[in-house]
Amino acid sequence: MDFILVFVICLLFLLLLAIAMLFGRPPIYRPKRVDVYRLISSLCEGGGDTEQWVVFVGLTILHDPDLEKIRLQCYELELQAESHQRVLFGSGRYRYNDVGMQRLEGIRSTLKGLMDQEPTYRSF
C-alpha cells in the first residue's frame, strides 16, 4: 500500500512538472528603444546603473535589428575600454574617458534618430 501511495505522489509531481515545462516559457530580454535611450542618457550624464549596462551590452537583442546594431556599437566601446585602446574606463561618475563619452553621445544621437523615425501606434 505504501508503494502505491508513493508511486501516485511521484506520478502527480512529474505530471505537474511536465505541464509546467510544456506551458511555461523561458525568460526573455526584450528592451524597448526608449528604455535603452534612457540607459545611455543616464550614463552620459554620469549616472546610470552599471548592472543594467552590462546586461544590455552582454545579451543579444533578437526582436529589433536596429537596436542590435546599437548594442553592438556599445559592445565595441566596452571592448575598447577593456583593451586599453583610445577609450578607457573613466574615474568617478563617468563610465568612460572623454573619447568614450563622445562616442557614447554619438551612439545616443543615432538611437534618437531611430526613435524619431519609428512609427507611432495607437490603440483605439
PDB file of N, CA and C in Angstrom:
ATOM      1  N   MET A   1       0.814  -1.201   0.000  1.00  0.00           N
ATOM      2  CA  MET A   1       0.000   0.000   0.000  1.00  0.00           C
ATOM      3  C   MET A   1       0.857   1.265   0.000  1.00  0.00           C
ATOM      4  N   ASP A   2       1.951   1.238   0.757  1.00  0.00           N
ATOM      5  CA  ASP A   2       2.833   2.391   0.783  1.00  0.00           C
ATOM      6  C   ASP A   2       3.458   2.648  -0.581  1.00  0.00           C
ATOM      7  N   PHE A   3       3.769   1.557  -1.284  1.00  0.00           N
ATOM      8  CA  PHE A   3       4.360   1.692  -2.602  1.00  0.00           C
ATOM      9  C   PHE A   3       3.417   2.417  -3.552  1.00  0.00           C
ATOM     10  N   ILE A   4       2.163   2.083  -3.522  1.00  0.00           N
ATOM     11  CA  ILE A   4       1.169   2.699  -4.406  1.00  0.00           C
ATOM     12  C   ILE A   4       1.019   4.184  -4.071  1.00  0.00           C
ATOM     13  N   LEU A   5       1.009   4.513  -2.798  1.00  0.00           N
ATOM     14  CA  LEU A   5       0.884   5.915  -2.380  1.00  0.00           C
ATOM     15  C   LEU A   5       2.079   6.739  -2.854  1.00  0.00           C
ATOM     16  N   VAL A   6       3.272   6.234  -2.669  1.00  0.00           N
ATOM     17  CA  VAL A   6       4.490   6.936  -3.119  1.00  0.00           C
ATOM     18  C   VAL A   6       4.494   7.037  -4.640  1.00  0.00           C
ATOM     19  N   PHE A   7       4.095   5.977  -5.321  1.00  0.00           N
ATOM     20  CA  PHE A   7       4.053   5.987  -6.776  1.00  0.00           C
ATOM     21  C   PHE A   7       3.081   7.047  -7.291  1.00  0.00           C
ATOM     22  N   VAL A   8       1.899   7.150  -6.702  1.00  0.00           N
ATOM     23  CA  VAL A   8       0.890   8.131  -7.129  1.00  0.00           C
ATOM     24  C   VAL A   8       1.379   9.553  -6.860  1.00  0.00           C
ATOM     25  N   ILE A   9       1.988   9.788  -5.731  1.00  0.00           N
ATOM     26  CA  ILE A   9       2.505  11.136  -5.416  1.00  0.00           C
ATOM     27  C   ILE A   9       3.609  11.519  -6.394  1.00  0.00           C
ATOM     28  N   CYS A  10       4.526  10.615  -6.676  1.00  0.00           N
ATOM     29  CA  CYS A  10       5.597  10.897  -7.646  1.00  0.00           C
ATOM     30  C   CYS A  10       5.023  11.108  -9.049  1.00  0.00           C
ATOM     31  N   LEU A  11       4.037  10.328  -9.413  1.00  0.00           N
ATOM     32  CA  LEU A  11       3.413  10.480 -10.724  1.00  0.00           C
ATOM     33  C   LEU A  11       2.739  11.848 -10.858  1.00  0.00           C
ATOM     34  N   LEU A  12       2.017  12.261  -9.819  1.00  0.00           N
ATOM     35  CA  LEU A  12       1.387  13.586  -9.845  1.00  0.00           C
ATOM     36  C   LEU A  12       2.420  14.697  -9.916  1.00  0.00           C
ATOM     37  N   PHE A  13       3.491  14.565  -9.171  1.00  0.00           N
ATOM     38  CA  PHE A  13       4.554  15.572  -9.197  1.00  0.00           C
ATOM     39  C   PHE A  13       5.175  15.671 -10.588  1.00  0.00           C
ATOM     40  N   LEU A  14       5.500  14.532 -11.187  1.00  0.00           N
ATOM     41  CA  LEU A  14       6.082  14.538 -12.529  1.00  0.00           C
ATOM     42  C   LEU A  14       5.097  15.066 -13.568  1.00  0.00           C
ATOM     43  N   LEU A  15       3.832  14.780 -13.400  1.00  0.00           N
ATOM     44  CA  LEU A  15       2.815  15.294 -14.304  1.00  0.00           C
ATOM     45  C   LEU A  15       2.721  16.814 -14.212  1.00  0.00           C
ATOM     46  N   LEU A  16       2.719  17.339 -12.998  1.00  0.00           N
ATOM     47  CA  LEU A  16       2.697  18.796 -12.820  1.00  0.00           C
ATOM     48  C   LEU A  16       3.963  19.443 -13.380  1.00  0.00           C
ATOM     49  N   LEU A  17       5.098  18.809 -13.192  1.00  0.00           N
ATOM     50  CA  LEU A  17       6.349  19.322 -13.734  1.00  0.00           C
ATOM     51  C   LEU A  17       6.319  19.336 -15.260  1.00  0.00           C
ATOM     52  N   ALA A  18       5.799  18.291 -15.873  1.00  0.00           N
ATOM     53  CA  ALA A  18       5.696  18.225 -17.334  1.00  0.00           C
ATOM     54  C   ALA A  18       4.757  19.305 -17.867  1.00  0.00           C
ATOM     55  N   ILE A  19       3.641  19.532 -17.180  1.00  0.00           N
ATOM     56  CA  ILE A  19       2.695  20.576 -17.602  1.00  0.00           C
ATOM     57  C   ILE A  19       3.337  21.952 -17.480  1.00  0.00           C
ATOM     58  N   ALA A  20       4.056  22.178 -16.400  1.00  0.00           N
ATOM     59  CA  ALA A  20       4.722  23.466 -16.218  1.00  0.00           C
ATOM     60  C   ALA A  20       5.767  23.712 -17.305  1.00  0.00           C
ATOM     61  N   MET A  21       6.504  22.697 -17.673  1.00  0.00           N
ATOM     62  CA  MET A  21       7.515  22.862 -18.718  1.00  0.00           C
ATOM     63  C   MET A  21       6.878  23.000 -20.096  1.00  0.00           C
ATOM     64  N   LEU A  22       5.737  22.375 -20.291  1.00  0.00           N
ATOM     65  CA  LEU A  22       5.067  22.446 -21.577  1.00  0.00           C
ATOM     66  C   LEU A  22       4.455  23.827 -21.820  1.00  0.00           C
ATOM     67  N   PHE A  23       3.795  24.378 -20.815  1.00  0.00           N
ATOM     68  CA  PHE A  23       3.100  25.648 -20.991  1.00  0.00           C
ATOM     69  C   PHE A  23       3.904  26.848 -20.510  1.00  0.00           C
ATOM     70  N   GLY A  24       4.964  26.624 -19.783  1.00  0.00           N
ATOM     71  CA  GLY A  24       5.800  27.734 -19.336  1.00  0.00           C
ATOM     72  C   GLY A  24       6.687  28.208 -20.469  1.00  0.00           C
ATOM     73  N   ARG A  25       7.265  29.360 -20.310  1.00  0.00           N
ATOM     74  CA  ARG A  25       8.184  29.840 -21.320  1.00  0.00           C
ATOM     75  C   ARG A  25       9.413  30.406 -20.625  1.00  0.00           C
ATOM     76  N   PRO A  26      10.538  30.336 -21.297  1.00  0.00           N
ATOM     77  CA  PRO A  26      11.770  30.812 -20.669  1.00  0.00           C
ATOM     78  C   PRO A  26      11.771  32.337 -20.577  1.00  0.00           C
ATOM     79  N   PRO A  27      12.528  32.882 -19.657  1.00  0.00           N
ATOM     80  CA  PRO A  27      12.608  34.337 -19.571  1.00  0.00           C
ATOM     81  C   PRO A  27      13.313  34.906 -20.803  1.00  0.00           C
ATOM     82  N   ILE A  28      12.821  36.028 -21.277  1.00  0.00           N
ATOM     83  CA  ILE A  28      13.398  36.653 -22.460  1.00  0.00           C
ATOM     84  C   ILE A  28      13.768  38.091 -22.137  1.00  0.00           C
ATOM     85  N   TYR A  29      14.702  38.628 -22.889  1.00  0.00           N
ATOM     86  CA  TYR A  29      15.163  40.001 -22.722  1.00  0.00           C
ATOM     87  C   TYR A  29      14.744  40.782 -23.958  1.00  0.00           C
ATOM     88  N   ARG A  30      13.764  41.659 -23.806  1.00  0.00           N
ATOM     89  CA  ARG A  30      13.247  42.452 -24.919  1.00  0.00           C
ATOM     90  C   ARG A  30      13.193  43.932 -24.529  1.00  0.00           C
ATOM     91  N   PRO A  31      14.329  44.605 -24.517  1.00  0.00           N
ATOM     92  CA  PRO A  31      14.295  46.024 -24.150  1.00  0.00           C
ATOM     93  C   PRO A  31      13.678  46.856 -25.264  1.00  0.00           C
ATOM     94  N   LYS A  32      13.056  47.951 -24.869  1.00  0.00           N
ATOM     95  CA  LYS A  32      12.493  48.882 -25.837  1.00  0.00           C
ATOM     96  C   LYS A  32      13.527  49.959 -26.131  1.00  0.00           C
ATOM     97  N   ARG A  33      13.358  50.608 -27.267  1.00  0.00           N
ATOM     98  CA  ARG A  33      14.298  51.659 -27.649  1.00  0.00           C
ATOM     99  C   ARG A  33      14.314  52.789 -26.631  1.00  0.00           C
ATOM    100  N   VAL A  34      13.163  53.109 -26.101  1.00  0.00           N
ATOM    101  CA  VAL A  34      13.068  54.195 -25.118  1.00  0.00           C
ATOM    102  C   VAL A  34      13.863  53.846 -23.865  1.00  0.00           C
ATOM    103  N   ASP A  35      13.769  52.593 -23.429  1.00  0.00           N
ATOM    104  CA  ASP A  35      14.499  52.166 -22.239  1.00  0.00           C
ATOM    105  C   ASP A  35      16.008  52.219 -22.460  1.00  0.00           C
ATOM    106  N   VAL A  36      16.446  51.807 -23.635  1.00  0.00           N
ATOM    107  CA  VAL A  36      17.872  51.849 -23.947  1.00  0.00           C
ATOM    108  C   VAL A  36      18.339  53.303 -24.050  1.00  0.00           C
ATOM    109  N   TYR A  37      17.506  54.156 -24.630  1.00  0.00           N
ATOM    110  CA  TYR A  37      17.855  55.574 -24.717  1.00  0.00           C
ATOM    111  C   TYR A  37      18.004  56.182 -23.319  1.00  0.00           C
ATOM    112  N   ARG A  38      17.106  55.831 -22.417  1.00  0.00           N
ATOM    113  CA  ARG A  38      17.214  56.330 -21.039  1.00  0.00           C
ATOM    114  C   ARG A  38      18.482  55.824 -20.369  1.00  0.00           C
ATOM    115  N   LEU A  39      18.823  54.562 -20.612  1.00  0.00           N
ATOM    116  CA  LEU A  39      20.033  53.991 -20.025  1.00  0.00           C
ATOM    117  C   LEU A  39      21.278  54.704 -20.531  1.00  0.00           C
ATOM    118  N   ILE A  40      21.361  54.910 -21.840  1.00  0.00           N
ATOM    119  CA  ILE A  40      22.530  55.590 -22.415  1.00  0.00           C
ATOM    120  C   ILE A  40      22.565  57.043 -21.960  1.00  0.00           C
ATOM    121  N   SER A  41      21.418  57.695 -21.890  1.00  0.00           N
ATOM    122  CA  SER A  41      21.377  59.088 -21.424  1.00  0.00           C
ATOM    123  C   SER A  41      21.850  59.210 -19.982  1.00  0.00           C
ATOM    124  N   SER A  42      21.433  58.284 -19.149  1.00  0.00           N
ATOM    125  CA  SER A  42      21.870  58.352 -17.755  1.00  0.00           C
ATOM    126  C   SER A  42      23.372  58.092 -17.644  1.00  0.00           C
ATOM    127  N   LEU A  43      23.921  57.242 -18.497  1.00  0.00           N
ATOM    128  CA  LEU A  43      25.371  57.041 -18.498  1.00  0.00           C
ATOM    129  C   LEU A  43      26.095  58.287 -18.990  1.00  0.00           C
ATOM    130  N   CYS A  44      25.521  58.976 -19.971  1.00  0.00           N
ATOM    131  CA  CYS A  44      26.141  60.197 -20.486  1.00  0.00           C
ATOM    132  C   CYS A  44      26.132  61.311 -19.443  1.00  0.00           C
ATOM    133  N   GLU A  45      25.161  61.284 -18.566  1.00  0.00           N
ATOM    134  CA  GLU A  45      25.062  62.308 -17.527  1.00  0.00           C
ATOM    135  C   GLU A  45      25.843  61.948 -16.268  1.00  0.00           C
ATOM    136  N   GLY A  46      26.510  60.810 -16.284  1.00  0.00           N
ATOM    137  CA  GLY A  46      27.318  60.426 -15.141  1.00  0.00           C
ATOM    138  C   GLY A  46      26.620  59.547 -14.140  1.00  0.00           C
ATOM    139  N   GLY A  47      25.435  59.108 -14.445  1.00  0.00           N
ATOM    140  CA  GLY A  47      24.705  58.218 -13.543  1.00  0.00           C
ATOM    141  C   GLY A  47      24.576  56.856 -14.184  1.00  0.00           C
ATOM    142  N   GLY A  48      23.449  56.289 -14.037  1.00  0.00           N
ATOM    143  CA  GLY A  48      23.166  55.014 -14.688  1.00  0.00           C
ATOM    144  C   GLY A  48      23.513  53.832 -13.826  1.00  0.00           C
ATOM    145  N   ASP A  49      22.857  52.750 -14.124  1.00  0.00           N
ATOM    146  CA  ASP A  49      23.051  51.504 -13.402  1.00  0.00           C
ATOM    147  C   ASP A  49      24.044  50.645 -14.164  1.00  0.00           C
ATOM    148  N   THR A  50      25.164  50.357 -13.561  1.00  0.00           N
ATOM    149  CA  THR A  50      26.208  49.567 -14.210  1.00  0.00           C
ATOM    150  C   THR A  50      25.724  48.162 -14.533  1.00  0.00           C
ATOM    151  N   GLU A  51      24.911  47.589 -13.659  1.00  0.00           N
ATOM    152  CA  GLU A  51      24.423  46.231 -13.895  1.00  0.00           C
ATOM    153  C   GLU A  51      23.489  46.179 -15.102  1.00  0.00           C
ATOM    154  N   GLN A  52      22.629  47.193 -15.249  1.00  0.00           N
ATOM    155  CA  GLN A  52      21.758  47.240 -16.434  1.00  0.00           C
ATOM    156  C   GLN A  52      22.594  47.404 -17.696  1.00  0.00           C
ATOM    157  N   TRP A  53      23.651  48.194 -17.621  1.00  0.00           N
ATOM    158  CA  TRP A  53      24.519  48.408 -18.770  1.00  0.00           C
ATOM    159  C   TRP A  53      25.196  47.097 -19.185  1.00  0.00           C
ATOM    160  N   VAL A  54      25.683  46.339 -18.221  1.00  0.00           N
ATOM    161  CA  VAL A  54      26.349  45.073 -18.517  1.00  0.00           C
ATOM    162  C   VAL A  54      25.367  44.082 -19.125  1.00  0.00           C
ATOM    163  N   VAL A  55      24.139  44.054 -18.619  1.00  0.00           N
ATOM    164  CA  VAL A  55      23.117  43.170 -19.190  1.00  0.00           C
ATOM    165  C   VAL A  55      22.794  43.600 -20.614  1.00  0.00           C
ATOM    166  N   PHE A  56      22.633  44.897 -20.838  1.00  0.00           N
ATOM    167  CA  PHE A  56      22.315  45.385 -22.189  1.00  0.00           C
ATOM    168  C   PHE A  56      23.432  45.052 -23.166  1.00  0.00           C
ATOM    169  N   VAL A  57      24.663  45.289 -22.775  1.00  0.00           N
ATOM    170  CA  VAL A  57      25.791  45.054 -23.675  1.00  0.00           C
ATOM    171  C   VAL A  57      26.015  43.555 -23.890  1.00  0.00           C
ATOM    172  N   GLY A  58      25.726  42.746 -22.890  1.00  0.00           N
ATOM    173  CA  GLY A  58      26.063  41.335 -22.955  1.00  0.00           C
ATOM    174  C   GLY A  58      25.045  40.428 -23.614  1.00  0.00           C
ATOM    175  N   LEU A  59      23.785  40.829 -23.671  1.00  0.00           N
ATOM    176  CA  LEU A  59      22.752  39.943 -24.217  1.00  0.00           C
ATOM    177  C   LEU A  59      22.316  40.379 -25.613  1.00  0.00           C
ATOM    178  N   THR A  60      22.223  39.421 -26.498  1.00  0.00           N
ATOM    179  CA  THR A  60      21.808  39.690 -27.875  1.00  0.00           C
ATOM    180  C   THR A  60      20.340  40.094 -27.912  1.00  0.00           C
ATOM    181  N   ILE A  61      20.032  41.052 -28.772  1.00  0.00           N
ATOM    182  CA  ILE A  61      18.661  41.521 -28.951  1.00  0.00           C
ATOM    183  C   ILE A  61      18.160  40.976 -30.287  1.00  0.00           C
ATOM    184  N   LEU A  62      17.218  40.073 -30.235  1.00  0.00           N
ATOM    185  CA  LEU A  62      16.749  39.405 -31.446  1.00  0.00           C
ATOM    186  C   LEU A  62      15.533  40.066 -32.074  1.00  0.00           C
ATOM    187  N   HIS A  63      14.761  40.805 -31.312  1.00  0.00           N
ATOM    188  CA  HIS A  63      13.481  41.303 -31.808  1.00  0.00           C
ATOM    189  C   HIS A  63      13.597  42.619 -32.574  1.00  0.00           C
ATOM    190  N   ASP A  64      14.734  43.308 -32.498  1.00  0.00           N
ATOM    191  CA  ASP A  64      14.896  44.613 -33.145  1.00  0.00           C
ATOM    192  C   ASP A  64      16.307  44.708 -33.733  1.00  0.00           C
ATOM    193  N   PRO A  65      16.457  44.490 -35.050  1.00  0.00           N
ATOM    194  CA  PRO A  65      17.796  44.508 -35.651  1.00  0.00           C
ATOM    195  C   PRO A  65      18.519  45.852 -35.511  1.00  0.00           C
ATOM    196  N   ASP A  66      17.775  46.962 -35.572  1.00  0.00           N
ATOM    197  CA  ASP A  66      18.411  48.274 -35.423  1.00  0.00           C
ATOM    198  C   ASP A  66      18.938  48.470 -34.004  1.00  0.00           C
ATOM    199  N   LEU A  67      18.192  48.018 -33.041  1.00  0.00           N
ATOM    200  CA  LEU A  67      18.632  48.106 -31.654  1.00  0.00           C
ATOM    201  C   LEU A  67      19.813  47.172 -31.407  1.00  0.00           C
ATOM    202  N   GLU A  68      19.874  46.060 -32.111  1.00  0.00           N
ATOM    203  CA  GLU A  68      21.024  45.160 -32.004  1.00  0.00           C
ATOM    204  C   GLU A  68      22.285  45.832 -32.550  1.00  0.00           C
ATOM    205  N   LYS A  69      22.145  46.626 -33.618  1.00  0.00           N
ATOM    206  CA  LYS A  69      23.301  47.371 -34.133  1.00  0.00           C
ATOM    207  C   LYS A  69      23.796  48.383 -33.105  1.00  0.00           C
ATOM    208  N   ILE A  70      22.871  49.038 -32.427  1.00  0.00           N
ATOM    209  CA  ILE A  70      23.244  49.970 -31.363  1.00  0.00           C
ATOM    210  C   ILE A  70      23.958  49.220 -30.239  1.00  0.00           C
ATOM    211  N   ARG A  71      23.435  48.060 -29.883  1.00  0.00           N
ATOM    212  CA  ARG A  71      24.061  47.261 -28.828  1.00  0.00           C
ATOM    213  C   ARG A  71      25.472  46.831 -29.214  1.00  0.00           C
ATOM    214  N   LEU A  72      25.664  46.471 -30.484  1.00  0.00           N
ATOM    215  CA  LEU A  72      26.993  46.070 -30.943  1.00  0.00           C
ATOM    216  C   LEU A  72      27.972  47.237 -30.898  1.00  0.00           C
ATOM    217  N   GLN A  73      27.507  48.444 -31.206  1.00  0.00           N
ATOM    218  CA  GLN A  73      28.382  49.617 -31.090  1.00  0.00           C
ATOM    219  C   GLN A  73      28.783  49.838 -29.635  1.00  0.00           C
ATOM    220  N   CYS A  74      27.839  49.667 -28.728  1.00  0.00           N
ATOM    221  CA  CYS A  74      28.142  49.808 -27.299  1.00  0.00           C
ATOM    222  C   CYS A  74      29.078  48.700 -26.836  1.00  0.00           C
ATOM    223  N   TYR A  75      28.900  47.511 -27.379  1.00  0.00           N
ATOM    224  CA  TYR A  75      29.781  46.392 -27.039  1.00  0.00           C
ATOM    225  C   TYR A  75      31.207  46.665 -27.504  1.00  0.00           C
ATOM    226  N   GLU A  76      31.347  47.203 -28.713  1.00  0.00           N
ATOM    227  CA  GLU A  76      32.673  47.562 -29.215  1.00  0.00           C
ATOM    228  C   GLU A  76      33.324  48.622 -28.335  1.00  0.00           C
ATOM    229  N   LEU A  77      32.538  49.581 -27.896  1.00  0.00           N
ATOM    230  CA  LEU A  77      33.037  50.616 -26.996  1.00  0.00           C
ATOM    231  C   LEU A  77      33.535  49.994 -25.691  1.00  0.00           C
ATOM    232  N   GLU A  78      32.785  49.058 -25.172  1.00  0.00           N
ATOM    233  CA  GLU A  78      33.173  48.369 -23.936  1.00  0.00           C
ATOM    234  C   GLU A  78      34.449  47.551 -24.138  1.00  0.00           C
ATOM    235  N   LEU A  79      34.565  46.868 -25.279  1.00  0.00           N
ATOM    236  CA  LEU A  79      35.764  46.089 -25.562  1.00  0.00           C
ATOM    237  C   LEU A  79      36.993  46.975 -25.712  1.00  0.00           C
ATOM    238  N   GLN A  80      36.827  48.127 -26.346  1.00  0.00           N
ATOM    239  CA  GLN A  80      37.952  49.051 -26.489  1.00  0.00           C
ATOM    240  C   GLN A  80      38.406  49.574 -25.133  1.00  0.00           C
ATOM    241  N   ALA A  81      37.471  49.800 -24.235  1.00  0.00           N
ATOM    242  CA  ALA A  81      37.843  50.269 -22.896  1.00  0.00           C
ATOM    243  C   ALA A  81      38.554  49.162 -22.123  1.00  0.00           C
ATOM    244  N   GLU A  82      38.130  47.930 -22.312  1.00  0.00           N
ATOM    245  CA  GLU A  82      38.779  46.821 -21.615  1.00  0.00           C
ATOM    246  C   GLU A  82      40.181  46.552 -22.143  1.00  0.00           C
ATOM    247  N   SER A  83      40.401  46.779 -23.439  1.00  0.00           N
ATOM    248  CA  SER A  83      41.708  46.507 -24.034  1.00  0.00           C
ATOM    249  C   SER A  83      42.622  47.734 -23.979  1.00  0.00           C
ATOM    250  N   HIS A  84      42.209  48.775 -23.302  1.00  0.00           N
ATOM    251  CA  HIS A  84      43.013  49.993 -23.068  1.00  0.00           C
ATOM    252  C   HIS A  84      43.476  50.640 -24.374  1.00  0.00           C
ATOM    253  N   GLN A  85      42.552  50.768 -25.306  1.00  0.00           N
ATOM    254  CA  GLN A  85      42.853  51.497 -26.533  1.00  0.00           C
ATOM    255  C   GLN A  85      42.584  52.975 -26.261  1.00  0.00           C
ATOM    256  N   ARG A  86      42.133  53.727 -27.229  1.00  0.00           N
ATOM    257  CA  ARG A  86      41.876  55.161 -27.018  1.00  0.00           C
ATOM    258  C   ARG A  86      40.778  55.393 -26.001  1.00  0.00           C
ATOM    259  N   VAL A  87      39.846  54.458 -25.934  1.00  0.00           N
ATOM    260  CA  VAL A  87      38.758  54.556 -24.963  1.00  0.00           C
ATOM    261  C   VAL A  87      39.206  53.855 -23.685  1.00  0.00           C
ATOM    262  N   LEU A  88      39.047  54.538 -22.568  1.00  0.00           N
ATOM    263  CA  LEU A  88      39.406  53.966 -21.269  1.00  0.00           C
ATOM    264  C   LEU A  88      38.232  54.100 -20.318  1.00  0.00           C
ATOM    265  N   PHE A  89      38.214  53.266 -19.297  1.00  0.00           N
ATOM    266  CA  PHE A  89      37.208  53.432 -18.264  1.00  0.00           C
ATOM    267  C   PHE A  89      37.521  54.702 -17.495  1.00  0.00           C
ATOM    268  N   GLY A  90      36.481  55.478 -17.220  1.00  0.00           N
ATOM    269  CA  GLY A  90      36.663  56.736 -16.518  1.00  0.00           C
ATOM    270  C   GLY A  90      36.742  56.540 -15.016  1.00  0.00           C
ATOM    271  N   SER A  91      37.109  57.591 -14.377  1.00  0.00           N
ATOM    272  CA  SER A  91      37.132  57.559 -12.920  1.00  0.00           C
ATOM    273  C   SER A  91      36.032  58.475 -12.405  1.00  0.00           C
ATOM    274  N   GLY A  92      35.489  58.141 -11.283  1.00  0.00           N
ATOM    275  CA  GLY A  92      34.421  58.967 -10.721  1.00  0.00           C
ATOM    276  C   GLY A  92      33.070  58.589 -11.279  1.00  0.00           C
ATOM    277  N   ARG A  93      32.296  59.592 -11.639  1.00  0.00           N
ATOM    278  CA  ARG A  93      30.901  59.373 -12.060  1.00  0.00           C
ATOM    279  C   ARG A  93      30.772  58.759 -13.441  1.00  0.00           C
ATOM    280  N   TYR A  94      31.690  59.078 -14.345  1.00  0.00           N
ATOM    281  CA  TYR A  94      31.529  58.696 -15.747  1.00  0.00           C
ATOM    282  C   TYR A  94      32.156  57.334 -16.017  1.00  0.00           C
ATOM    283  N   ARG A  95      31.506  56.557 -16.868  1.00  0.00           N
ATOM    284  CA  ARG A  95      31.973  55.193 -17.148  1.00  0.00           C
ATOM    285  C   ARG A  95      33.225  55.201 -18.010  1.00  0.00           C
ATOM    286  N   TYR A  96      33.328  56.136 -18.955  1.00  0.00           N
ATOM    287  CA  TYR A  96      34.458  56.168 -19.885  1.00  0.00           C
ATOM    288  C   TYR A  96      35.176  57.515 -19.788  1.00  0.00           C
ATOM    289  N   ASN A  97      36.351  57.569 -20.450  1.00  0.00           N
ATOM    290  CA  ASN A  97      37.055  58.844 -20.532  1.00  0.00           C
ATOM    291  C   ASN A  97      36.362  59.737 -21.565  1.00  0.00           C
ATOM    292  N   ASP A  98      36.960  60.887 -21.887  1.00  0.00           N
ATOM    293  CA  ASP A  98      36.306  61.859 -22.783  1.00  0.00           C
ATOM    294  C   ASP A  98      36.034  61.276 -24.172  1.00  0.00           C
ATOM    295  N   VAL A  99      36.987  60.515 -24.698  1.00  0.00           N
ATOM    296  CA  VAL A  99      36.797  59.921 -26.029  1.00  0.00           C
ATOM    297  C   VAL A  99      35.626  58.940 -26.007  1.00  0.00           C
ATOM    298  N   GLY A 100      35.565  58.114 -24.976  1.00  0.00           N
ATOM    299  CA  GLY A 100      34.472  57.152 -24.863  1.00  0.00           C
ATOM    300  C   GLY A 100      33.126  57.819 -24.675  1.00  0.00           C
ATOM    301  N   MET A 101      33.105  58.895 -23.900  1.00  0.00           N
ATOM    302  CA  MET A 101      31.844  59.598 -23.682  1.00  0.00           C
ATOM    303  C   MET A 101      31.363  60.277 -24.964  1.00  0.00           C
ATOM    304  N   GLN A 102      32.299  60.778 -25.781  1.00  0.00           N
ATOM    305  CA  GLN A 102      31.901  61.365 -27.063  1.00  0.00           C
ATOM    306  C   GLN A 102      31.303  60.305 -27.984  1.00  0.00           C
ATOM    307  N   ARG A 103      31.894  59.118 -27.986  1.00  0.00           N
ATOM    308  CA  ARG A 103      31.346  58.034 -28.808  1.00  0.00           C
ATOM    309  C   ARG A 103      29.981  57.601 -28.286  1.00  0.00           C
ATOM    310  N   LEU A 104      29.833  57.573 -26.971  1.00  0.00           N
ATOM    311  CA  LEU A 104      28.544  57.211 -26.392  1.00  0.00           C
ATOM    312  C   LEU A 104      27.478  58.250 -26.737  1.00  0.00           C
ATOM    313  N   GLU A 105      27.870  59.512 -26.770  1.00  0.00           N
ATOM    314  CA  GLU A 105      26.948  60.574 -27.202  1.00  0.00           C
ATOM    315  C   GLU A 105      26.532  60.364 -28.658  1.00  0.00           C
ATOM    316  N   GLY A 106      27.483  59.955 -29.505  1.00  0.00           N
ATOM    317  CA  GLY A 106      27.159  59.669 -30.909  1.00  0.00           C
ATOM    318  C   GLY A 106      26.196  58.504 -31.039  1.00  0.00           C
ATOM    319  N   ILE A 107      26.409  57.473 -30.240  1.00  0.00           N
ATOM    320  CA  ILE A 107      25.502  56.323 -30.258  1.00  0.00           C
ATOM    321  C   ILE A 107      24.113  56.756 -29.795  1.00  0.00           C
ATOM    322  N   ARG A 108      24.076  57.608 -28.779  1.00  0.00           N
ATOM    323  CA  ARG A 108      22.786  58.093 -28.277  1.00  0.00           C
ATOM    324  C   ARG A 108      22.056  58.908 -29.335  1.00  0.00           C
ATOM    325  N   SER A 109      22.773  59.748 -30.082  1.00  0.00           N
ATOM    326  CA  SER A 109      22.112  60.546 -31.131  1.00  0.00           C
ATOM    327  C   SER A 109      21.632  59.647 -32.268  1.00  0.00           C
ATOM    328  N   THR A 110      22.371  58.590 -32.579  1.00  0.00           N
ATOM    329  CA  THR A 110      21.918  57.633 -33.589  1.00  0.00           C
ATOM    330  C   THR A 110      20.634  56.947 -33.144  1.00  0.00           C
ATOM    331  N   LEU A 111      20.599  56.546 -31.879  1.00  0.00           N
ATOM    332  CA  LEU A 111      19.398  55.910 -31.343  1.00  0.00           C
ATOM    333  C   LEU A 111      18.224  56.878 -31.330  1.00  0.00           C
ATOM    334  N   LYS A 112      18.474  58.134 -31.023  1.00  0.00           N
ATOM    335  CA  LYS A 112      17.409  59.143 -31.037  1.00  0.00           C
ATOM    336  C   LYS A 112      16.852  59.297 -32.450  1.00  0.00           C
ATOM    337  N   GLY A 113      17.727  59.258 -33.462  1.00  0.00           N
ATOM    338  CA  GLY A 113      17.265  59.313 -34.847  1.00  0.00           C
ATOM    339  C   GLY A 113      16.400  58.117 -35.208  1.00  0.00           C
ATOM    340  N   LEU A 114      16.778  56.932 -34.725  1.00  0.00           N
ATOM    341  CA  LEU A 114      15.957  55.742 -34.966  1.00  0.00           C
ATOM    342  C   LEU A 114      14.599  55.863 -34.288  1.00  0.00           C
ATOM    343  N   MET A 115      14.593  56.432 -33.091  1.00  0.00           N
ATOM    344  CA  MET A 115      13.329  56.587 -32.374  1.00  0.00           C
ATOM    345  C   MET A 115      12.420  57.595 -33.060  1.00  0.00           C
ATOM    346  N   ASP A 116      13.019  58.632 -33.642  1.00  0.00           N
ATOM    347  CA  ASP A 116      12.207  59.634 -34.335  1.00  0.00           C
ATOM    348  C   ASP A 116      11.601  59.078 -35.619  1.00  0.00           C
ATOM    349  N   GLN A 117      12.271  58.113 -36.253  1.00  0.00           N
ATOM    350  CA  GLN A 117      11.765  57.515 -37.479  1.00  0.00           C
ATOM    351  C   GLN A 117      10.727  56.420 -37.208  1.00  0.00           C
ATOM    352  N   GLU A 118      10.652  55.971 -35.973  1.00  0.00           N
ATOM    353  CA  GLU A 118       9.744  54.880 -35.625  1.00  0.00           C
ATOM    354  C   GLU A 118       8.286  55.357 -35.703  1.00  0.00           C
ATOM    355  N   PRO A 119       7.421  54.574 -36.350  1.00  0.00           N
ATOM    356  CA  PRO A 119       6.013  54.986 -36.438  1.00  0.00           C
ATOM    357  C   PRO A 119       5.333  54.913 -35.070  1.00  0.00           C
ATOM    358  N   THR A 120       4.345  55.749 -34.890  1.00  0.00           N
ATOM    359  CA  THR A 120       3.606  55.777 -33.641  1.00  0.00           C
ATOM    360  C   THR A 120       2.372  54.902 -33.760  1.00  0.00           C
ATOM    361  N   TYR A 121       2.149  54.082 -32.740  1.00  0.00           N
ATOM    362  CA  TYR A 121       0.993  53.196 -32.727  1.00  0.00           C
ATOM    363  C   TYR A 121       0.026  53.658 -31.657  1.00  0.00           C
ATOM    364  N   ARG A 122      -1.232  53.617 -32.005  1.00  0.00           N
ATOM    365  CA  ARG A 122      -2.284  53.949 -31.035  1.00  0.00           C
ATOM    366  C   ARG A 122      -3.329  52.858 -31.069  1.00  0.00           C
ATOM    367  N   SER A 123      -3.792  52.486 -29.900  1.00  0.00           N
ATOM    368  CA  SER A 123      -4.881  51.506 -29.850  1.00  0.00           C
ATOM    369  C   SER A 123      -6.167  52.242 -29.542  1.00  0.00           C
ATOM    370  N   PHE A 124      -7.193  51.895 -30.247  1.00  0.00           N
ATOM    371  CA  PHE A 124      -8.474  52.574 -30.090  1.00  0.00           C
ATOM    372  C   PHE A 124      -9.448  51.693 -29.371  1.00  0.00           C
TER     373      PHE A 124
END
